[in-house]
Amino acid sequence: MPPVKNLNIHYMTNKANKQNKATNDGNGQYLPRYLKIATNKYFKFGTVVLLYLLWTVWVGNWWLLAGVPVLFDIYITKKVNWTFWKKRKGPNSRVVEWIDALIFAVIAVTLINIFVFQNYKIPTGSMERSLQIGDHLFVSKLKYGPKIPNTPLSFPFAQHTMPLTKNVKSYLEWINWPYKRLKGFTRIKNDDIVVFNFPEGDTVIVLYQTESYYALLRRQAETLEDSDKASGREIRPFQYYTDFARKQILNEYDITVRPVDKRDNYIKRCVAIPGDTVRIVNARVHINGKPQKPYEHIQYRYAVQTDGSPINVKTLERFDIYRSDVRTIGNGLFSIPMIDDNVEQMRKLTNVRSVEMLLKPEGLYDSEVFPHDGRFAWNVDNFGPLWVPKKGVTVKIDTANISLYARIISAYEYNDLKVENGKIFINDVETDSYTFQMDYYWMMGDNRHDSLDSRFWGFVPEDHIVGAPRFVWLSLNKEKTFPFNIRLSRMFRAAGR
């Protein structure tokens, strides 16, 4: 039997070897050396500060450097208790632990919503039948690249208005960051379904938040002009009526102005990308002279003439048509939105006499349609051709075509635009050309006759792009009650299919 002292020597040698390979963490636990480095406060501080400085340079706001001393105290000096709601030492109450967990969850979910994905609910029927009212979607921010918020100081999970209020802003504009976007997995392609901030949502009438301020302004100006025509008074330039209507609206309603990231979210199909030419002929879209790829879910409104009897409710349900979407035009004459398959099925019904698409003829000017200029006699069914602006491309501009690009130049790319005596001035310099600073897109709803889209408000700038819908995780039928309103067949399927 070997001496006891040899066993002790062997034991002490093994212990020394372990201590050479590992280091005590101060709590009786031994850590490998690489973990010791990772948990070192100076290493953690250096890593966080490096990432923070890179973020500051990318954002371009040097006031963020004021956060470096805060990080130094958090990781090194620890003089201030930044998590003031809980004690640094000793156990906290269960309530405090819940508050701490809630704060962490809110911060984590907010960051996920900004940079990874967010939930989106389809509020209107503009994308029927591809996406239906009551569909809840996961929208990916990574596909086209997440953008940093223009107004980072905001109440969590509120788009622009505080919950339970009508006009209290959910954000502060003390910090206003410029447009920056991380590189995404891909670029927007023709026919992608895209979520974006409403381009005309920069100015909003609080009482009518679901309507475009600019559409209301135009209608008010047209009413004033029609009043002068009816009374035989002198007809003035339309800009006069627009300016007068603007003053009326400002005096009568509360107006709010919103930054890009706090405008309402819209969802449409991108039918034309930068550099494309879009044209609509008898409601059918053509891109660069070729018909748009057909989709089975695209629908149009049709005039359905019956023998005087209404369309059976069960028939509407079988065709997946909402009863609220059926409009009565006259005795036995109805306006109904339908996909191509529905049209053929409708014609076979015994009480149906005819089914014809409702179309506005070519050459009929609609003042509601972009660019709201009588020199472009366009409407929702016959529109264009119109070129979609591309970043870096220079175009000739004059008084004949300035209405196509005026909002881009002034509202989206922040230039001072004036048209005086037949001359165009940008930032007080007379010019006859313009170079675009961003890419633009042309968005349309699949429910072609019931969609407020680019045909009404024009181009969508790249800084308004939010993300791409990935799949439907919940779908509720607005015309049924729980639990019969749950559309199981639509759940957990790719968005738009």
Protein backbone atom coordinates (compact mmCIF):
# COMPACT_ATOMS: atom_id res chain seq x y z
CA MET A 1 0.00 0.00 0.00
CA PRO A 2 1.53 3.38 -1.05
CA PRO A 3 2.22 5.97 1.63
CA VAL A 4 -0.60 8.44 2.40
CA LYS A 5 1.66 11.37 1.66
CA ASN A 6 1.97 10.19 -1.97
CA LEU A 7 -1.82 10.23 -2.32
CA ASN A 8 -1.89 13.78 -0.95
CA ILE A 9 0.77 14.86 -3.40
CA HIS A 10 -1.20 13.30 -6.28
CA TYR A 11 -4.41 15.01 -5.13
CA MET A 12 -2.77 18.42 -4.77
CA THR A 13 -1.17 18.08 -8.20
CA ASN A 14 -4.55 17.38 -9.84
CA LYS A 15 -6.10 20.32 -8.03
CA ALA A 16 -3.31 22.64 -9.16
CA ASN A 17 -3.76 21.47 -12.76
CA LYS A 18 -7.46 22.24 -12.60
CA GLN A 19 -6.76 25.69 -11.22
CA ASN A 20 -4.36 26.31 -14.09
CA LYS A 21 -7.10 25.49 -16.58
CA ALA A 22 -9.96 27.24 -14.80
CA THR A 23 -10.52 30.28 -12.64
CA ASN A 24 -12.75 30.77 -9.65
CA ASP A 25 -15.66 33.15 -10.45
CA GLY A 26 -15.91 34.33 -6.84
CA ASN A 27 -18.92 32.16 -6.03
CA GLY A 28 -17.09 28.90 -5.56
CA GLN A 29 -17.50 27.96 -9.24
CA TYR A 30 -14.56 27.43 -11.59
CA LEU A 31 -14.73 28.97 -15.08
CA PRO A 32 -12.59 28.29 -18.16
CA ARG A 33 -10.27 31.15 -19.06
CA TYR A 34 -12.26 32.15 -22.17
CA LEU A 35 -15.34 32.56 -19.98
CA LYS A 36 -13.36 34.65 -17.54
CA ILE A 37 -12.47 37.04 -20.36
CA ALA A 38 -16.08 37.17 -21.59
CA THR A 39 -17.37 37.98 -18.12
CA ASN A 40 -14.71 40.58 -17.38
CA LYS A 41 -16.40 43.98 -16.89
CA TYR A 42 -13.85 45.83 -19.02
CA PHE A 43 -14.27 43.37 -21.88
CA LYS A 44 -18.06 43.69 -21.71
CA PHE A 45 -17.83 47.47 -21.54
CA GLY A 46 -15.45 47.62 -24.52
CA THR A 47 -17.67 45.34 -26.62
CA VAL A 48 -20.87 47.27 -25.86
CA VAL A 49 -19.21 50.66 -26.44
CA LEU A 50 -17.79 49.52 -29.78
CA LEU A 51 -21.23 48.41 -30.95
CA TYR A 52 -22.77 51.61 -29.58
CA LEU A 53 -20.22 53.78 -31.43
CA LEU A 54 -20.86 51.92 -34.68
CA TRP A 55 -24.59 52.51 -34.17
CA THR A 56 -23.96 56.22 -33.49
CA VAL A 57 -21.89 56.63 -36.66
CA TRP A 58 -24.55 54.81 -38.74
CA VAL A 59 -27.40 56.91 -37.33
CA GLY A 60 -25.32 60.06 -37.76
CA ASN A 61 -26.53 61.68 -34.53
CA TRP A 62 -23.52 62.68 -32.41
CA TRP A 63 -25.69 63.57 -29.44
CA LEU A 64 -25.84 59.81 -28.84
CA LEU A 65 -22.24 60.00 -27.59
CA ALA A 66 -23.73 61.26 -24.33
CA GLY A 67 -24.71 57.65 -23.71
CA VAL A 68 -21.07 56.49 -23.39
CA PRO A 69 -20.66 57.79 -19.78
CA VAL A 70 -23.91 56.01 -18.91
CA LEU A 71 -22.53 52.73 -20.27
CA PHE A 72 -19.29 53.33 -18.35
CA ASP A 73 -21.22 53.64 -15.11
CA ILE A 74 -23.42 50.61 -15.89
CA TYR A 75 -20.44 48.32 -16.52
CA ILE A 76 -17.52 49.85 -14.54
CA THR A 77 -18.23 52.38 -11.77
CA LYS A 78 -21.82 51.35 -10.94
CA LYS A 79 -22.51 54.55 -9.03
CA VAL A 80 -26.08 54.99 -10.26
CA ASN A 81 -28.77 52.37 -9.95
CA TRP A 82 -30.22 52.59 -13.46
CA THR A 83 -32.73 49.84 -12.62
CA PHE A 84 -34.13 51.98 -9.82
CA TRP A 85 -37.26 49.85 -9.41
CA LYS A 86 -35.28 47.01 -7.84
CA LYS A 87 -32.54 46.63 -5.22
CA ARG A 88 -28.98 45.92 -6.33
CA LYS A 89 -28.30 43.62 -3.41
CA GLY A 90 -30.56 41.24 -1.60
CA PRO A 91 -33.84 39.68 -2.69
CA ASN A 92 -36.66 41.71 -4.30
CA SER A 93 -40.35 41.22 -3.74
CA ARG A 94 -42.38 39.18 -6.18
CA VAL A 95 -44.10 42.36 -7.42
CA VAL A 96 -40.75 43.94 -8.24
CA GLU A 97 -39.64 40.78 -10.03
CA TRP A 98 -42.82 40.89 -12.14
CA ILE A 99 -42.25 44.56 -12.96
CA ASP A 100 -38.66 43.80 -13.92
CA ALA A 101 -39.77 40.93 -16.18
CA LEU A 102 -42.48 43.11 -17.75
CA ILE A 103 -40.04 45.94 -18.52
CA PHE A 104 -37.62 43.47 -20.10
CA ALA A 105 -40.43 41.91 -22.17
CA VAL A 106 -41.66 45.31 -23.42
CA ILE A 107 -38.15 46.34 -24.45
CA ALA A 108 -37.48 42.99 -26.14
CA VAL A 109 -40.79 42.95 -28.05
CA THR A 110 -40.34 46.59 -29.09
CA LEU A 111 -36.91 45.83 -30.56
CA ILE A 112 -38.32 42.76 -32.29
CA ASN A 113 -41.15 44.86 -33.77
CA ILE A 114 -38.69 47.45 -35.05
CA PHE A 115 -36.03 45.18 -36.50
CA VAL A 116 -37.47 41.67 -37.01
CA PHE A 117 -41.24 41.39 -37.44
CA GLN A 118 -44.54 42.77 -36.22
CA ASN A 119 -48.19 41.83 -36.21
CA TYR A 120 -50.52 43.48 -38.73
CA LYS A 121 -54.29 43.19 -39.05
CA ILE A 122 -56.06 43.65 -42.40
CA PRO A 123 -58.58 46.47 -41.72
CA THR A 124 -60.12 46.97 -45.20
CA GLY A 125 -61.03 44.94 -48.24
CA SER A 126 -58.53 46.49 -50.66
CA MET A 127 -56.62 43.18 -50.99
CA GLU A 128 -59.64 40.87 -51.17
CA ARG A 129 -59.40 37.94 -51.93
CA SER A 130 -55.65 37.57 -51.59
CA LEU A 131 -55.85 38.93 -48.04
CA GLN A 132 -59.18 39.27 -46.30
CA ILE A 133 -60.57 41.61 -43.67
CA GLY A 134 -59.78 40.06 -40.30
CA ASP A 135 -56.55 38.36 -41.38
CA HIS A 136 -53.77 38.77 -38.80
CA LEU A 137 -50.31 38.65 -40.36
CA PHE A 138 -46.70 38.39 -39.31
CA VAL A 139 -44.85 41.06 -41.28
CA SER A 140 -41.13 40.50 -41.80
CA LYS A 141 -38.85 43.53 -41.46
CA LEU A 142 -35.81 41.52 -42.53
CA LYS A 143 -36.86 40.72 -46.12
CA TYR A 144 -36.34 44.27 -47.41
CA GLY A 145 -34.21 45.41 -44.48
CA PRO A 146 -35.38 47.02 -41.22
CA LYS A 147 -35.24 50.80 -40.98
CA ILE A 148 -34.51 52.74 -37.82
CA PRO A 149 -37.47 54.71 -36.43
CA ASN A 150 -37.60 58.41 -37.21
CA THR A 151 -39.07 59.00 -33.75
CA PRO A 152 -37.54 56.47 -31.32
CA LEU A 153 -39.19 58.02 -28.24
CA SER A 154 -42.66 56.51 -28.41
CA PHE A 155 -45.21 54.56 -26.40
CA PRO A 156 -44.81 50.80 -27.03
CA PHE A 157 -47.10 49.12 -29.57
CA ALA A 158 -48.99 52.33 -30.50
CA GLN A 159 -48.64 53.44 -34.12
CA HIS A 160 -49.34 57.16 -33.69
CA THR A 161 -52.08 57.74 -31.09
CA MET A 162 -52.15 56.89 -27.40
CA PRO A 163 -54.57 54.08 -26.48
CA LEU A 164 -58.06 55.23 -25.38
CA THR A 165 -57.52 58.69 -26.92
CA LYS A 166 -58.39 60.25 -30.27
CA ASN A 167 -55.67 62.82 -30.78
CA VAL A 168 -52.92 62.39 -28.16
CA LYS A 169 -49.65 61.58 -29.93
CA SER A 170 -47.96 58.35 -28.82
CA TYR A 171 -44.50 59.68 -29.67
CA LEU A 172 -42.15 62.56 -28.90
CA GLU A 173 -40.24 64.43 -31.60
CA TRP A 174 -37.36 65.51 -29.37
CA ILE A 175 -35.23 63.06 -31.35
CA ASN A 176 -35.83 62.84 -35.09
CA TRP A 177 -33.52 60.48 -36.96
CA PRO A 178 -33.03 60.55 -40.75
CA TYR A 179 -33.95 57.62 -42.97
CA LYS A 180 -31.56 54.69 -42.57
CA ARG A 181 -32.15 51.07 -43.57
CA LEU A 182 -30.16 47.91 -42.94
CA LYS A 183 -29.57 45.67 -45.95
CA GLY A 184 -32.35 43.13 -46.42
CA PHE A 185 -32.37 39.63 -47.83
CA THR A 186 -33.80 40.84 -51.15
CA ARG A 187 -35.19 43.84 -53.02
CA ILE A 188 -38.85 44.46 -53.81
CA LYS A 189 -39.87 42.64 -56.98
CA ASN A 190 -42.88 43.03 -59.26
CA ASP A 191 -46.05 41.56 -57.72
CA ASP A 192 -44.64 41.34 -54.18
CA ILE A 193 -47.18 42.13 -51.46
CA VAL A 194 -45.73 44.96 -49.37
CA VAL A 195 -46.57 46.79 -46.13
CA PHE A 196 -45.72 50.50 -46.18
CA ASN A 197 -46.47 53.81 -44.49
CA PHE A 198 -49.31 55.73 -46.16
CA PRO A 199 -47.62 58.41 -48.34
CA GLU A 200 -50.40 60.97 -47.87
CA GLY A 201 -50.49 60.34 -44.13
CA ASP A 202 -48.11 63.21 -43.34
CA THR A 203 -51.04 65.58 -42.73
CA VAL A 204 -54.19 64.29 -41.03
CA ILE A 205 -57.53 65.78 -40.01
CA VAL A 206 -58.02 64.35 -36.51
CA LEU A 207 -61.80 64.02 -36.99
CA TYR A 208 -61.36 62.09 -40.27
CA GLN A 209 -58.19 60.09 -39.73
CA THR A 210 -59.18 57.32 -42.16
CA GLU A 211 -59.46 59.77 -45.08
CA SER A 212 -56.73 61.54 -46.99
CA TYR A 213 -56.35 65.17 -46.02
CA TYR A 214 -55.33 66.00 -49.58
CA ALA A 215 -58.41 64.29 -51.05
CA LEU A 216 -60.65 66.31 -48.72
CA LEU A 217 -58.76 69.47 -49.67
CA ARG A 218 -59.28 68.82 -53.39
CA ARG A 219 -62.99 68.11 -52.93
CA GLN A 220 -63.42 71.30 -50.91
CA ALA A 221 -61.61 73.32 -53.60
CA GLU A 222 -63.78 71.78 -56.34
CA THR A 223 -66.91 72.67 -54.36
CA LEU A 224 -65.78 76.30 -54.17
CA GLU A 225 -65.04 76.34 -57.91
CA ASP A 226 -68.42 74.76 -58.74
CA SER A 227 -70.12 77.39 -56.58
CA ASP A 228 -68.53 80.18 -58.64
CA LYS A 229 -69.54 78.47 -61.88
CA ALA A 230 -73.12 78.01 -60.74
CA SER A 231 -73.48 81.63 -59.64
CA GLY A 232 -71.85 83.05 -62.76
CA ARG A 233 -68.93 84.58 -60.86
CA GLU A 234 -65.44 84.90 -62.29
CA ILE A 235 -63.60 81.55 -62.44
CA ARG A 236 -60.22 81.87 -60.78
CA PRO A 237 -57.12 79.61 -61.08
CA PHE A 238 -57.62 76.35 -59.20
CA GLN A 239 -54.71 77.17 -56.88
CA TYR A 240 -56.82 80.06 -55.53
CA TYR A 241 -59.60 77.66 -54.53
CA THR A 242 -57.06 75.24 -53.05
CA ASP A 243 -55.49 77.94 -50.87
CA PHE A 244 -58.92 79.15 -49.75
CA ALA A 245 -60.05 75.59 -48.94
CA ARG A 246 -56.86 75.00 -46.95
CA LYS A 247 -57.60 78.02 -44.76
CA GLN A 248 -61.16 76.83 -44.23
CA ILE A 249 -60.03 73.37 -43.14
CA LEU A 250 -57.37 74.80 -40.79
CA ASN A 251 -59.98 77.04 -39.15
CA GLU A 252 -62.59 74.31 -38.84
CA TYR A 253 -60.63 71.18 -37.88
CA ASP A 254 -57.73 70.06 -35.74
CA ILE A 255 -54.80 69.11 -37.98
CA THR A 256 -51.86 66.92 -37.02
CA VAL A 257 -48.61 66.28 -38.88
CA ARG A 258 -46.89 62.88 -38.64
CA PRO A 259 -43.35 61.70 -39.43
CA VAL A 260 -42.91 58.83 -41.89
CA ASP A 261 -42.70 56.01 -39.34
CA LYS A 262 -45.89 57.15 -37.53
CA ARG A 263 -48.15 57.20 -40.56
CA ASP A 264 -50.79 54.50 -40.98
CA ASN A 265 -49.63 51.17 -42.37
CA TYR A 266 -51.08 50.10 -45.73
CA ILE A 267 -50.72 46.79 -47.56
CA LYS A 268 -50.87 46.45 -51.35
CA ARG A 269 -49.29 44.58 -54.23
CA CYS A 270 -46.28 46.25 -55.86
CA VAL A 271 -47.21 46.14 -59.55
CA ALA A 272 -44.34 48.37 -60.75
CA ILE A 273 -40.81 48.87 -59.43
CA PRO A 274 -38.38 51.78 -60.09
CA GLY A 275 -37.83 52.31 -63.82
CA ASP A 276 -41.02 50.49 -64.90
CA THR A 277 -43.76 52.05 -66.98
CA VAL A 278 -47.28 51.28 -65.77
CA ARG A 279 -50.45 51.52 -67.82
CA ILE A 280 -54.02 50.41 -67.11
CA VAL A 281 -56.26 49.52 -70.06
CA ASN A 282 -59.88 48.65 -69.28
CA ALA A 283 -58.94 47.79 -65.68
CA ARG A 284 -56.12 45.43 -66.74
CA VAL A 285 -52.60 46.42 -65.67
CA HIS A 286 -49.73 46.47 -68.16
CA ILE A 287 -46.07 46.82 -67.12
CA ASN A 288 -43.53 47.87 -69.74
CA GLY A 289 -46.07 47.09 -72.45
CA LYS A 290 -46.87 43.56 -71.18
CA PRO A 291 -49.97 42.41 -69.26
CA GLN A 292 -49.45 41.88 -65.53
CA LYS A 293 -49.11 38.28 -64.40
CA PRO A 294 -52.66 37.01 -63.75
CA TYR A 295 -53.66 36.19 -60.17
CA GLU A 296 -56.71 34.10 -59.36
CA HIS A 297 -57.62 36.32 -56.39
CA ILE A 298 -57.74 39.66 -58.24
CA GLN A 299 -61.32 40.90 -58.38
CA TYR A 300 -63.34 43.65 -60.04
CA ARG A 301 -66.84 45.03 -59.63
CA TYR A 302 -69.53 43.75 -61.95
CA ALA A 303 -73.06 44.89 -62.70
CA VAL A 304 -75.29 41.86 -62.12
CA GLN A 305 -78.80 42.11 -63.59
CA THR A 306 -81.34 39.65 -62.21
CA ASP A 307 -85.00 39.04 -62.95
CA GLY A 308 -85.77 41.42 -60.09
CA SER A 309 -84.99 39.04 -57.27
CA PRO A 310 -81.99 39.47 -54.95
CA ILE A 311 -78.93 37.23 -54.92
CA ASN A 312 -79.41 34.45 -52.39
CA VAL A 313 -77.37 34.90 -49.18
CA LYS A 314 -76.23 31.27 -49.29
CA THR A 315 -74.97 31.84 -52.82
CA LEU A 316 -72.92 34.84 -51.68
CA GLU A 317 -71.39 32.75 -48.88
CA ARG A 318 -70.59 29.96 -51.33
CA PHE A 319 -68.87 32.48 -53.60
CA ASP A 320 -67.04 33.94 -50.54
CA ILE A 321 -68.62 37.38 -51.09
CA TYR A 322 -69.48 39.60 -48.13
CA ARG A 323 -73.12 40.69 -48.03
CA SER A 324 -71.96 44.19 -47.07
CA ASP A 325 -70.01 44.41 -50.36
CA VAL A 326 -73.15 44.00 -52.49
CA ARG A 327 -74.59 47.36 -53.58
CA THR A 328 -78.04 47.86 -55.03
CA ILE A 329 -77.99 50.04 -58.15
CA GLY A 330 -81.60 49.66 -59.24
CA ASN A 331 -84.47 47.19 -59.45
CA GLY A 332 -82.76 43.80 -59.75
CA LEU A 333 -79.41 45.47 -60.62
CA PHE A 334 -76.50 44.95 -58.23
CA SER A 335 -72.83 45.91 -58.06
CA ILE A 336 -70.80 42.95 -56.79
CA PRO A 337 -67.02 42.43 -56.49
CA MET A 338 -65.98 39.09 -57.99
CA ILE A 339 -62.98 37.08 -59.13
CA ASP A 340 -63.06 35.49 -62.60
CA ASP A 341 -64.37 32.13 -61.30
CA ASN A 342 -67.28 33.88 -59.55
CA VAL A 343 -68.27 35.62 -62.78
CA GLU A 344 -68.78 32.35 -64.63
CA GLN A 345 -70.64 30.86 -61.66
CA MET A 346 -72.87 33.93 -61.37
CA ARG A 347 -73.85 33.77 -65.03
CA LYS A 348 -75.13 30.21 -64.51
CA LEU A 349 -77.64 31.22 -61.81
CA THR A 350 -81.24 30.89 -63.00
CA ASN A 351 -82.30 34.38 -61.86
CA VAL A 352 -79.30 36.20 -63.42
CA ARG A 353 -79.80 37.84 -66.82
CA SER A 354 -76.39 39.47 -67.39
CA VAL A 355 -73.01 40.09 -65.76
CA GLU A 356 -70.85 42.97 -67.06
CA MET A 357 -67.70 44.55 -65.62
CA LEU A 358 -68.18 48.12 -64.44
CA LEU A 359 -65.67 50.24 -66.36
CA LYS A 360 -64.92 53.94 -66.74
CA PRO A 361 -64.19 54.70 -70.40
CA GLU A 362 -60.82 55.82 -71.73
CA GLY A 363 -60.41 59.60 -71.83
CA LEU A 364 -62.80 60.26 -68.93
CA TYR A 365 -61.00 62.55 -66.46
CA ASP A 366 -61.41 61.76 -62.76
CA SER A 367 -60.11 64.52 -60.49
CA GLU A 368 -59.69 62.01 -57.64
CA VAL A 369 -57.09 60.11 -59.67
CA PHE A 370 -53.37 60.95 -59.66
CA PRO A 371 -51.96 63.43 -60.67
CA HIS A 372 -55.25 65.36 -60.25
CA ASP A 373 -54.46 67.39 -63.34
CA GLY A 374 -56.93 67.84 -66.21
CA ARG A 375 -54.09 67.54 -68.71
CA PHE A 376 -53.94 63.84 -67.80
CA ALA A 377 -57.38 62.45 -68.65
CA TRP A 378 -56.98 59.32 -66.53
CA ASN A 379 -59.29 57.28 -64.31
CA VAL A 380 -59.03 54.07 -62.27
CA ASP A 381 -59.73 51.81 -65.28
CA ASN A 382 -57.78 53.63 -67.97
CA PHE A 383 -54.57 55.18 -66.68
CA GLY A 384 -51.13 56.12 -67.95
CA PRO A 385 -48.66 55.34 -69.36
CA LEU A 386 -46.64 56.55 -66.37
CA TRP A 387 -42.93 56.03 -65.66
CA VAL A 388 -42.02 55.11 -62.06
CA PRO A 389 -39.04 57.21 -60.80
CA LYS A 390 -35.71 55.53 -60.10
CA LYS A 391 -32.92 56.77 -57.83
CA GLY A 392 -30.20 58.68 -59.66
CA VAL A 393 -32.19 59.15 -62.89
CA THR A 394 -32.63 62.71 -64.17
CA VAL A 395 -35.83 63.75 -65.97
CA LYS A 396 -36.87 66.89 -67.80
CA ILE A 397 -39.55 68.86 -65.99
CA ASP A 398 -41.80 71.67 -67.17
CA THR A 399 -45.22 73.08 -66.37
CA ALA A 400 -46.85 70.31 -68.45
CA ASN A 401 -45.53 67.41 -66.35
CA ILE A 402 -44.58 68.98 -63.00
CA SER A 403 -47.80 67.67 -61.40
CA LEU A 404 -46.40 64.12 -61.78
CA TYR A 405 -43.33 64.87 -59.69
CA ALA A 406 -44.32 67.85 -57.49
CA ARG A 407 -45.01 65.79 -54.37
CA ILE A 408 -41.79 63.80 -54.79
CA ILE A 409 -39.71 66.97 -55.08
CA SER A 410 -41.32 68.84 -52.19
CA ALA A 411 -42.84 66.34 -49.71
CA TYR A 412 -40.67 63.23 -50.07
CA GLU A 413 -37.28 64.72 -50.93
CA TYR A 414 -37.73 67.96 -48.94
CA ASN A 415 -37.07 70.64 -51.54
CA ASP A 416 -38.69 74.05 -51.86
CA LEU A 417 -40.67 73.90 -55.12
CA LYS A 418 -42.26 76.93 -56.77
CA VAL A 419 -43.93 77.41 -60.16
CA GLU A 420 -44.11 81.06 -61.16
CA ASN A 421 -44.86 82.63 -64.56
CA GLY A 422 -44.33 79.33 -66.36
CA LYS A 423 -40.96 78.75 -64.69
CA ILE A 424 -39.96 76.10 -62.15
CA PHE A 425 -37.78 76.94 -59.15
CA ILE A 426 -36.27 74.32 -56.83
CA ASN A 427 -34.66 75.81 -53.73
CA ASP A 428 -34.92 79.23 -55.42
CA VAL A 429 -32.95 78.07 -58.45
CA GLU A 430 -34.67 78.01 -61.85
CA THR A 431 -34.40 74.56 -63.43
CA ASP A 432 -35.78 72.34 -66.17
CA SER A 433 -34.61 68.97 -64.78
CA TYR A 434 -34.63 66.94 -61.59
CA THR A 435 -32.56 63.99 -60.31
CA PHE A 436 -34.41 61.60 -58.01
CA GLN A 437 -32.82 60.87 -54.62
CA MET A 438 -34.84 57.73 -53.85
CA ASP A 439 -36.48 54.76 -55.54
CA TYR A 440 -40.27 54.76 -55.90
CA TYR A 441 -42.91 52.05 -56.27
CA TRP A 442 -46.42 51.72 -57.67
CA MET A 443 -48.80 49.89 -55.33
CA MET A 444 -52.29 48.58 -56.12
CA GLY A 445 -54.85 46.52 -54.25
CA ASP A 446 -56.04 43.18 -55.66
CA ASN A 447 -59.61 44.36 -55.12
CA ARG A 448 -59.19 46.71 -58.06
CA HIS A 449 -62.45 48.67 -57.85
CA ASP A 450 -62.41 49.02 -54.05
CA SER A 451 -58.82 49.97 -53.28
CA LEU A 452 -57.35 53.31 -52.27
CA ASP A 453 -53.93 52.93 -53.86
CA SER A 454 -51.31 54.56 -56.09
CA ARG A 455 -53.96 55.42 -58.66
CA PHE A 456 -55.22 58.00 -56.17
CA TRP A 457 -52.09 59.23 -54.35
CA GLY A 458 -49.20 58.32 -56.63
CA PHE A 459 -45.80 56.88 -55.86
CA VAL A 460 -44.58 55.16 -52.68
CA PRO A 461 -41.05 56.29 -51.64
CA GLU A 462 -38.50 53.69 -50.52
CA ASP A 463 -38.28 55.22 -47.03
CA HIS A 464 -41.98 54.36 -46.53
CA ILE A 465 -41.43 50.61 -47.03
CA VAL A 466 -42.09 48.66 -43.80
CA GLY A 467 -41.85 44.98 -44.69
CA ALA A 468 -43.35 41.90 -46.30
CA PRO A 469 -46.22 39.78 -44.92
CA ARG A 470 -45.08 36.19 -44.32
CA PHE A 471 -48.10 34.21 -43.15
CA VAL A 472 -51.60 34.47 -41.66
CA TRP A 473 -51.64 33.31 -38.03
CA LEU A 474 -55.29 34.17 -37.33
CA SER A 475 -58.29 34.95 -39.54
CA LEU A 476 -61.71 36.18 -38.34
CA ASN A 477 -64.81 36.65 -40.51
CA LYS A 478 -66.32 40.09 -39.83
CA GLU A 479 -69.86 38.92 -40.62
CA LYS A 480 -69.98 36.03 -38.13
CA THR A 481 -69.81 35.69 -34.36
CA PHE A 482 -67.35 33.72 -32.24
CA PRO A 483 -66.46 30.86 -32.65
CA PHE A 484 -68.00 30.59 -36.12
CA ASN A 485 -66.00 33.62 -37.29
CA ILE A 486 -62.69 31.73 -37.08
CA ARG A 487 -61.53 30.82 -40.59
CA LEU A 488 -59.36 27.78 -39.89
CA SER A 489 -58.71 27.22 -43.61
CA ARG A 490 -56.81 30.52 -43.82
CA MET A 491 -54.67 30.12 -40.72
CA PHE A 492 -50.95 29.35 -40.88
CA ARG A 493 -50.77 29.76 -44.63
CA ALA A 494 -48.47 32.00 -46.64
CA ALA A 495 -49.83 35.54 -46.98
CA GLY A 496 -51.52 36.23 -50.31
CA ARG A 497 -52.14 32.60 -51.23
